[in-house]
N, C-alpha and C. Protein backbone atom coordinates (compact mmCIF):
# COMPACT_ATOMS: atom_id res chain seq x y z
N UNK A 1 89.52 119.92 44.32
CA UNK A 1 89.77 121.17 44.82
C UNK A 1 88.52 121.99 45.21
N UNK A 2 88.54 122.68 46.31
CA UNK A 2 87.33 123.49 46.73
C UNK A 2 87.71 125.06 46.55
N UNK A 3 86.69 125.78 46.33
CA UNK A 3 86.77 127.22 46.19
C UNK A 3 85.71 127.85 47.16
N UNK A 4 85.91 128.98 47.56
CA UNK A 4 84.84 129.77 48.41
C UNK A 4 84.02 130.54 47.40
N UNK A 5 82.66 130.34 47.71
CA UNK A 5 81.63 130.94 46.87
C UNK A 5 80.76 131.82 47.82
N UNK A 6 80.41 133.12 47.49
CA UNK A 6 79.59 133.84 48.30
C UNK A 6 78.15 133.94 47.53
N UNK A 7 77.15 133.70 48.36
CA UNK A 7 75.78 133.93 47.85
C UNK A 7 75.20 135.08 48.50
N UNK A 8 74.91 136.12 47.68
CA UNK A 8 74.24 137.37 48.11
C UNK A 8 72.83 137.03 48.51
N UNK A 9 72.50 137.32 49.84
CA UNK A 9 71.21 136.92 50.34
C UNK A 9 70.64 137.86 51.38
N UNK A 10 69.34 137.95 51.39
CA UNK A 10 68.73 138.88 52.46
C UNK A 10 68.12 137.98 53.59
N UNK A 11 67.77 136.80 53.27
CA UNK A 11 67.08 135.97 54.22
C UNK A 11 67.92 134.72 54.77
N UNK A 12 69.15 134.64 54.27
CA UNK A 12 70.09 133.61 54.83
C UNK A 12 69.84 132.27 54.14
N UNK A 13 69.07 132.21 53.12
CA UNK A 13 68.98 130.82 52.35
C UNK A 13 68.77 130.90 50.84
N UNK A 14 68.17 132.10 50.42
CA UNK A 14 67.90 132.19 48.98
C UNK A 14 68.65 133.54 48.38
N UNK A 15 68.82 133.49 47.10
CA UNK A 15 69.54 134.71 46.61
C UNK A 15 68.67 135.86 46.64
N UNK A 16 69.27 136.94 47.13
CA UNK A 16 68.56 138.14 47.27
C UNK A 16 68.19 139.01 46.16
N UNK A 17 67.37 139.95 46.44
CA UNK A 17 66.91 140.87 45.45
C UNK A 17 67.89 142.00 45.08
N UNK A 18 68.04 142.42 43.79
CA UNK A 18 68.89 143.61 43.51
C UNK A 18 70.39 143.42 43.55
N UNK A 19 71.08 144.54 43.63
CA UNK A 19 72.49 144.56 43.52
C UNK A 19 73.11 143.79 44.82
N UNK A 20 74.05 142.89 44.42
CA UNK A 20 74.67 142.03 45.51
C UNK A 20 75.28 142.80 46.53
N UNK A 21 75.78 144.00 46.19
CA UNK A 21 76.52 144.93 47.15
C UNK A 21 75.62 145.53 48.26
N UNK A 22 74.33 145.28 48.06
CA UNK A 22 73.38 145.82 49.10
C UNK A 22 72.45 144.69 49.74
N UNK A 23 72.85 143.46 49.47
CA UNK A 23 72.03 142.32 50.18
C UNK A 23 72.57 142.32 51.59
N UNK A 24 71.92 141.81 52.54
CA UNK A 24 72.13 141.85 53.87
C UNK A 24 73.30 140.86 54.22
N UNK A 25 73.36 139.69 53.57
CA UNK A 25 74.31 138.82 54.06
C UNK A 25 75.14 138.26 52.77
N UNK A 26 76.26 137.74 53.04
CA UNK A 26 77.00 136.80 52.11
C UNK A 26 77.14 135.58 52.70
N UNK A 27 76.50 134.48 52.19
CA UNK A 27 76.66 133.07 52.66
C UNK A 27 77.80 132.52 51.98
N UNK A 28 78.79 132.23 52.78
CA UNK A 28 80.13 131.72 52.20
C UNK A 28 80.18 130.22 52.19
N UNK A 29 80.33 129.69 51.12
CA UNK A 29 80.38 128.08 51.08
C UNK A 29 81.73 127.74 50.56
N UNK A 30 82.20 126.45 50.96
CA UNK A 30 83.21 125.85 50.28
C UNK A 30 82.57 124.90 49.24
N UNK A 31 82.99 124.97 48.06
CA UNK A 31 82.37 124.18 46.97
C UNK A 31 83.39 123.54 46.16
N UNK A 32 83.10 122.18 45.80
CA UNK A 32 83.89 121.39 44.90
C UNK A 32 83.92 119.99 45.25
N UNK A 33 84.46 119.27 44.37
CA UNK A 33 84.52 117.65 44.55
C UNK A 33 83.02 117.18 44.73
N UNK A 34 82.10 117.80 44.11
CA UNK A 34 80.75 117.21 44.21
C UNK A 34 80.05 117.47 45.51
N UNK A 35 80.52 118.49 46.33
CA UNK A 35 79.84 118.82 47.53
C UNK A 35 79.95 120.30 47.68
N UNK A 36 79.04 120.77 48.73
CA UNK A 36 79.25 122.17 49.15
C UNK A 36 78.86 122.19 50.72
N UNK A 37 79.55 123.22 51.33
CA UNK A 37 79.36 123.35 52.78
C UNK A 37 79.45 124.73 53.22
N UNK A 38 78.35 125.17 53.98
CA UNK A 38 78.37 126.51 54.55
C UNK A 38 79.38 126.67 55.55
N UNK A 39 80.20 127.68 55.38
CA UNK A 39 81.35 127.80 56.30
C UNK A 39 81.15 129.19 57.11
N UNK A 40 80.42 130.14 56.56
CA UNK A 40 80.21 131.40 57.28
C UNK A 40 79.09 132.12 56.72
N UNK A 41 78.43 132.94 57.61
CA UNK A 41 77.38 133.78 57.21
C UNK A 41 77.85 135.14 57.62
N UNK A 42 78.23 135.93 56.51
CA UNK A 42 78.85 137.25 56.76
C UNK A 42 77.87 138.37 56.54
N UNK A 43 77.78 139.29 57.56
CA UNK A 43 77.01 140.45 57.39
C UNK A 43 77.56 141.46 56.45
N UNK A 44 76.89 142.02 55.44
CA UNK A 44 77.32 142.83 54.51
C UNK A 44 77.35 144.27 55.08
N UNK A 45 78.48 144.87 55.33
CA UNK A 45 78.43 146.23 55.84
C UNK A 45 77.74 147.34 54.95
N UNK A 46 77.68 147.12 53.70
CA UNK A 46 76.99 148.08 52.69
C UNK A 46 75.48 147.89 52.90
N UNK A 47 75.05 146.85 53.38
CA UNK A 47 73.52 146.62 53.53
C UNK A 47 72.87 147.62 54.53
N UNK A 48 73.67 148.28 55.39
CA UNK A 48 73.20 149.06 56.38
C UNK A 48 73.22 150.60 56.02
N UNK A 49 73.66 150.82 54.90
CA UNK A 49 73.86 152.38 54.51
C UNK A 49 73.12 152.41 53.20
N UNK A 50 72.65 153.79 52.93
CA UNK A 50 72.03 154.06 51.73
C UNK A 50 72.95 153.94 50.50
N UNK A 51 72.30 153.59 49.41
CA UNK A 51 73.08 153.29 48.22
C UNK A 51 73.21 154.77 47.41
N UNK A 52 74.34 155.47 47.60
CA UNK A 52 74.63 156.71 46.94
C UNK A 52 74.39 156.73 45.52
N UNK A 53 74.66 155.41 44.85
CA UNK A 53 74.65 155.31 43.55
C UNK A 53 73.18 155.08 42.94
N UNK A 54 72.27 154.95 43.85
CA UNK A 54 70.94 154.63 43.36
C UNK A 54 69.86 155.56 44.10
N UNK A 55 69.59 156.59 43.50
CA UNK A 55 68.67 157.67 44.15
C UNK A 55 67.22 157.03 44.24
N UNK A 56 66.85 156.06 43.41
CA UNK A 56 65.60 155.44 43.42
C UNK A 56 65.43 154.64 44.67
N UNK A 57 66.51 154.22 45.34
CA UNK A 57 66.47 153.42 46.49
C UNK A 57 66.66 154.31 47.75
N UNK A 58 66.53 155.60 47.65
CA UNK A 58 66.58 156.46 48.78
C UNK A 58 68.06 156.86 49.16
N UNK A 59 68.98 156.60 48.24
CA UNK A 59 70.38 156.92 48.58
C UNK A 59 70.64 158.37 48.40
N UNK A 60 71.41 158.83 49.22
CA UNK A 60 71.96 160.12 49.12
C UNK A 60 73.29 160.25 49.84
N UNK A 61 74.04 161.35 49.80
CA UNK A 61 75.38 161.35 50.45
C UNK A 61 75.31 162.15 51.52
N UNK A 62 74.16 162.31 52.33
CA UNK A 62 74.10 163.08 53.52
C UNK A 62 74.36 162.21 54.76
N UNK A 63 74.58 161.00 54.74
CA UNK A 63 74.77 160.09 55.74
C UNK A 63 76.00 160.37 56.43
N UNK A 64 76.14 160.18 57.77
CA UNK A 64 77.30 160.32 58.45
C UNK A 64 78.28 159.18 58.31
N UNK A 65 77.81 158.06 57.69
CA UNK A 65 78.69 156.88 57.57
C UNK A 65 79.74 157.00 56.44
N UNK A 66 80.86 156.68 56.77
CA UNK A 66 81.93 156.72 55.73
C UNK A 66 81.64 155.77 54.51
N UNK A 67 81.06 154.62 54.94
CA UNK A 67 80.67 153.59 53.88
C UNK A 67 79.61 154.07 52.96
N UNK A 68 78.74 154.99 53.42
CA UNK A 68 77.64 155.51 52.60
C UNK A 68 78.24 156.53 51.43
N UNK A 69 79.39 157.11 51.90
CA UNK A 69 79.97 158.05 50.91
C UNK A 69 80.76 157.39 49.83
N UNK A 70 81.11 156.24 49.98
CA UNK A 70 81.82 155.56 48.86
C UNK A 70 80.98 155.09 47.75
N UNK A 71 81.56 155.18 46.52
CA UNK A 71 80.83 154.56 45.32
C UNK A 71 82.02 154.31 44.31
N UNK A 72 81.44 153.63 43.31
CA UNK A 72 82.36 153.24 42.15
C UNK A 72 83.38 152.25 42.60
N UNK A 73 84.67 152.28 42.08
CA UNK A 73 85.61 151.39 42.34
C UNK A 73 86.00 151.30 43.82
N UNK A 74 86.00 152.45 44.46
CA UNK A 74 86.38 152.66 45.93
C UNK A 74 85.43 151.80 46.70
N UNK A 75 84.16 151.89 46.47
CA UNK A 75 83.14 151.12 47.09
C UNK A 75 83.29 149.57 46.93
N UNK A 76 83.62 149.12 45.80
CA UNK A 76 83.73 147.69 45.56
C UNK A 76 85.08 147.14 46.04
N UNK A 77 86.07 148.01 46.04
CA UNK A 77 87.36 147.53 46.75
C UNK A 77 87.22 147.35 48.21
N UNK A 78 86.48 148.35 48.71
CA UNK A 78 86.29 148.26 50.11
C UNK A 78 85.41 147.04 50.48
N UNK A 79 84.35 146.82 49.67
CA UNK A 79 83.43 145.69 49.96
C UNK A 79 84.50 144.26 49.78
N UNK A 80 85.30 144.30 48.97
CA UNK A 80 86.10 143.11 48.82
C UNK A 80 86.98 142.86 49.99
N UNK A 81 87.68 144.04 50.52
CA UNK A 81 88.46 143.98 51.68
C UNK A 81 87.68 143.53 52.88
N UNK A 82 86.43 144.10 53.14
CA UNK A 82 85.67 143.91 54.27
C UNK A 82 84.98 142.59 54.36
N UNK A 83 84.51 142.02 53.20
CA UNK A 83 83.73 140.87 53.20
C UNK A 83 83.93 139.71 52.15
N UNK A 84 84.62 140.15 51.02
CA UNK A 84 84.63 139.18 50.00
C UNK A 84 86.04 138.83 49.53
N UNK A 85 87.13 139.14 50.38
CA UNK A 85 88.42 138.97 50.04
C UNK A 85 88.79 137.55 49.61
N UNK A 86 88.16 136.54 50.16
CA UNK A 86 88.63 135.27 49.87
C UNK A 86 87.74 134.38 49.01
N UNK A 87 86.78 135.11 48.47
CA UNK A 87 85.84 134.43 47.49
C UNK A 87 86.38 134.34 46.06
N UNK A 88 85.98 133.24 45.36
CA UNK A 88 86.37 133.04 43.84
C UNK A 88 85.18 133.25 43.07
N UNK A 89 83.92 133.34 43.55
CA UNK A 89 82.68 133.35 42.84
C UNK A 89 81.59 133.92 43.66
N UNK A 90 80.81 134.86 42.98
CA UNK A 90 79.66 135.39 43.63
C UNK A 90 78.31 134.96 43.02
N UNK A 91 77.39 134.63 43.72
CA UNK A 91 76.12 134.23 43.13
C UNK A 91 75.09 135.43 43.56
N UNK A 92 74.37 135.95 42.62
CA UNK A 92 73.52 137.08 42.96
C UNK A 92 72.43 137.29 41.91
N UNK A 93 71.55 138.15 42.21
CA UNK A 93 70.47 138.37 41.20
C UNK A 93 70.82 139.71 40.45
N UNK A 94 71.87 140.45 40.81
CA UNK A 94 72.14 141.64 40.11
C UNK A 94 73.40 142.27 40.60
N UNK A 95 73.83 143.15 39.60
CA UNK A 95 75.01 144.07 40.05
C UNK A 95 75.23 145.09 38.96
N UNK A 96 75.88 146.26 39.19
CA UNK A 96 76.00 147.10 38.12
C UNK A 96 77.27 146.92 37.42
N UNK A 97 77.41 147.49 36.15
CA UNK A 97 78.64 147.30 35.35
C UNK A 97 79.93 147.55 36.06
N UNK A 98 79.90 148.59 36.90
CA UNK A 98 81.23 148.97 37.60
C UNK A 98 81.59 147.90 38.54
N UNK A 99 80.64 147.31 39.29
CA UNK A 99 81.01 146.31 40.36
C UNK A 99 81.48 144.96 39.55
N UNK A 100 80.80 144.66 38.45
CA UNK A 100 81.15 143.44 37.67
C UNK A 100 82.55 143.62 37.10
N UNK A 101 82.79 144.80 36.51
CA UNK A 101 84.14 144.96 35.89
C UNK A 101 85.28 144.99 37.05
N UNK A 102 84.98 145.51 38.21
CA UNK A 102 85.90 145.50 39.29
C UNK A 102 86.17 144.09 39.83
N UNK A 103 85.15 143.35 40.19
CA UNK A 103 85.31 141.99 40.71
C UNK A 103 85.96 141.08 39.58
N UNK A 104 85.40 141.07 38.36
CA UNK A 104 86.03 140.06 37.36
C UNK A 104 87.40 140.54 37.11
N UNK A 105 87.83 141.77 37.19
CA UNK A 105 89.23 142.20 37.12
C UNK A 105 90.11 141.64 38.24
N UNK A 106 89.43 141.36 39.38
CA UNK A 106 90.15 140.72 40.49
C UNK A 106 90.13 139.28 40.46
N UNK A 107 89.66 138.74 39.32
CA UNK A 107 89.56 137.24 39.19
C UNK A 107 88.29 136.51 39.76
N UNK A 108 87.36 137.30 40.28
CA UNK A 108 86.10 136.74 40.85
C UNK A 108 85.13 136.60 39.67
N UNK A 109 84.51 135.35 39.73
CA UNK A 109 83.46 135.16 38.63
C UNK A 109 82.07 135.20 39.33
N UNK A 110 81.10 135.34 38.41
CA UNK A 110 79.69 135.52 38.80
C UNK A 110 78.84 134.41 38.18
N UNK A 111 77.77 134.19 38.99
CA UNK A 111 76.51 133.41 38.44
C UNK A 111 75.44 134.38 38.81
N UNK A 112 74.66 134.72 37.81
CA UNK A 112 73.47 135.54 38.04
C UNK A 112 72.22 134.69 37.82
N UNK A 113 71.19 134.82 38.76
CA UNK A 113 70.02 134.11 38.66
C UNK A 113 68.87 135.03 39.17
N UNK A 114 67.68 134.50 39.07
CA UNK A 114 66.58 135.19 39.58
C UNK A 114 66.63 135.32 41.03
N UNK A 115 66.14 136.40 41.75
CA UNK A 115 66.14 136.38 43.15
C UNK A 115 65.12 135.40 43.70
N UNK A 116 65.30 134.97 44.95
CA UNK A 116 64.47 133.95 45.62
C UNK A 116 64.84 132.43 45.26
N UNK A 117 65.82 132.34 44.37
CA UNK A 117 66.25 130.70 44.14
C UNK A 117 66.99 130.33 45.35
N UNK A 118 66.70 129.11 45.79
CA UNK A 118 67.33 128.54 46.98
C UNK A 118 68.91 128.38 46.47
N UNK A 119 69.73 128.89 47.48
CA UNK A 119 71.11 128.79 47.39
C UNK A 119 71.65 127.35 47.02
N UNK A 120 71.02 126.33 47.83
CA UNK A 120 71.37 124.95 47.67
C UNK A 120 71.28 124.41 46.31
N UNK A 121 70.21 124.79 45.61
CA UNK A 121 69.89 124.34 44.28
C UNK A 121 71.07 124.72 43.32
N UNK A 122 71.57 125.90 43.43
CA UNK A 122 72.58 126.40 42.49
C UNK A 122 73.93 125.65 42.99
N UNK A 123 74.13 125.72 44.22
CA UNK A 123 75.44 125.06 44.74
C UNK A 123 75.42 123.56 44.48
N UNK A 124 74.39 122.88 44.47
CA UNK A 124 74.46 121.31 44.09
C UNK A 124 74.89 121.26 42.66
N UNK A 125 74.41 122.13 41.72
CA UNK A 125 74.75 122.12 40.28
C UNK A 125 76.22 122.56 40.19
N UNK A 126 76.71 123.63 40.85
CA UNK A 126 77.92 124.20 40.86
C UNK A 126 79.01 123.15 41.31
N UNK A 127 78.67 122.38 42.28
CA UNK A 127 79.72 121.53 43.01
C UNK A 127 80.24 120.52 41.97
N UNK A 128 79.65 120.30 40.93
CA UNK A 128 80.06 119.37 39.89
C UNK A 128 80.95 119.84 38.82
N UNK A 129 81.27 121.23 38.91
CA UNK A 129 82.18 121.90 37.98
C UNK A 129 83.43 122.32 38.60
N UNK A 130 84.37 122.40 37.72
CA UNK A 130 85.71 123.11 38.07
C UNK A 130 85.61 124.45 37.79
N UNK A 131 86.08 125.37 38.62
CA UNK A 131 86.01 126.81 38.43
C UNK A 131 86.87 127.15 37.22
N UNK A 132 87.77 126.25 36.77
CA UNK A 132 88.53 126.43 35.56
C UNK A 132 87.61 126.47 34.31
N UNK A 133 86.46 125.70 34.48
CA UNK A 133 85.53 125.65 33.31
C UNK A 133 84.49 126.90 33.28
N UNK A 134 84.72 127.79 34.13
CA UNK A 134 83.76 128.84 34.18
C UNK A 134 84.27 130.14 33.44
N UNK A 135 83.35 130.85 32.86
CA UNK A 135 83.61 132.16 32.24
C UNK A 135 83.47 133.16 33.34
N UNK A 136 83.94 134.41 33.07
CA UNK A 136 83.73 135.50 34.08
C UNK A 136 82.21 135.60 34.58
N UNK A 137 81.30 135.38 33.74
CA UNK A 137 79.80 135.60 33.99
C UNK A 137 79.05 134.38 33.39
N UNK A 138 78.31 133.76 34.32
CA UNK A 138 77.35 132.60 33.84
C UNK A 138 76.08 132.94 34.43
N UNK A 139 74.98 132.23 34.01
CA UNK A 139 73.69 132.40 34.65
C UNK A 139 73.20 130.89 35.07
N UNK A 140 72.15 131.00 35.98
CA UNK A 140 71.43 129.88 36.32
C UNK A 140 70.02 129.99 35.89
N UNK A 141 69.61 129.19 35.15
CA UNK A 141 68.30 129.35 34.56
C UNK A 141 67.70 127.94 34.43
N UNK A 142 66.35 127.90 34.78
CA UNK A 142 65.49 126.58 34.68
C UNK A 142 66.37 125.48 35.34
N UNK A 143 67.00 125.69 36.56
CA UNK A 143 67.61 124.62 37.18
C UNK A 143 69.08 124.15 36.69
N UNK A 144 69.62 124.98 35.59
CA UNK A 144 70.88 124.50 35.15
C UNK A 144 71.79 125.80 34.99
N UNK A 145 73.07 125.46 35.12
CA UNK A 145 74.04 126.51 34.83
C UNK A 145 74.20 126.72 33.35
N UNK A 146 74.22 127.95 32.96
CA UNK A 146 74.47 128.32 31.60
C UNK A 146 75.72 129.01 31.38
N UNK A 147 76.78 128.35 30.89
CA UNK A 147 78.06 128.99 30.86
C UNK A 147 78.35 129.75 29.59
N UNK A 148 77.71 129.58 28.53
CA UNK A 148 77.91 130.32 27.24
C UNK A 148 76.86 131.43 27.13
N UNK A 149 77.34 132.60 27.38
CA UNK A 149 76.29 133.66 27.28
C UNK A 149 76.42 134.42 25.97
């Protein structure tokens, strides 16, 4: 059985820096049965707007963009509708507690890893697991999936 997995990325091949909701792309793969295949590279609409929730990143609520004014659950439910509605797992280097609670509440699982890790390295390892074996949150460290946090 295959599942759709989204890798939060800025360069189109490695895990991006920071909060997944603000990386430039989601690389969507079909993963399972010992293999993985890129099926789509989706632009993240939230990557083009300031992050209102993070003033250190230059975010403020003065933007004319409707997306820039969203935060909290409303922001993440919109992101799910616009870009992540069909994924079962997100691979990223970071996320805030609100985003994690929202997505895991929707049945989406996470793998967190260091930024800059090549997506194919993680996907190769992931393709040998059943999503049924996954907790809500796992990590990828030293070339291995860590399922017990």
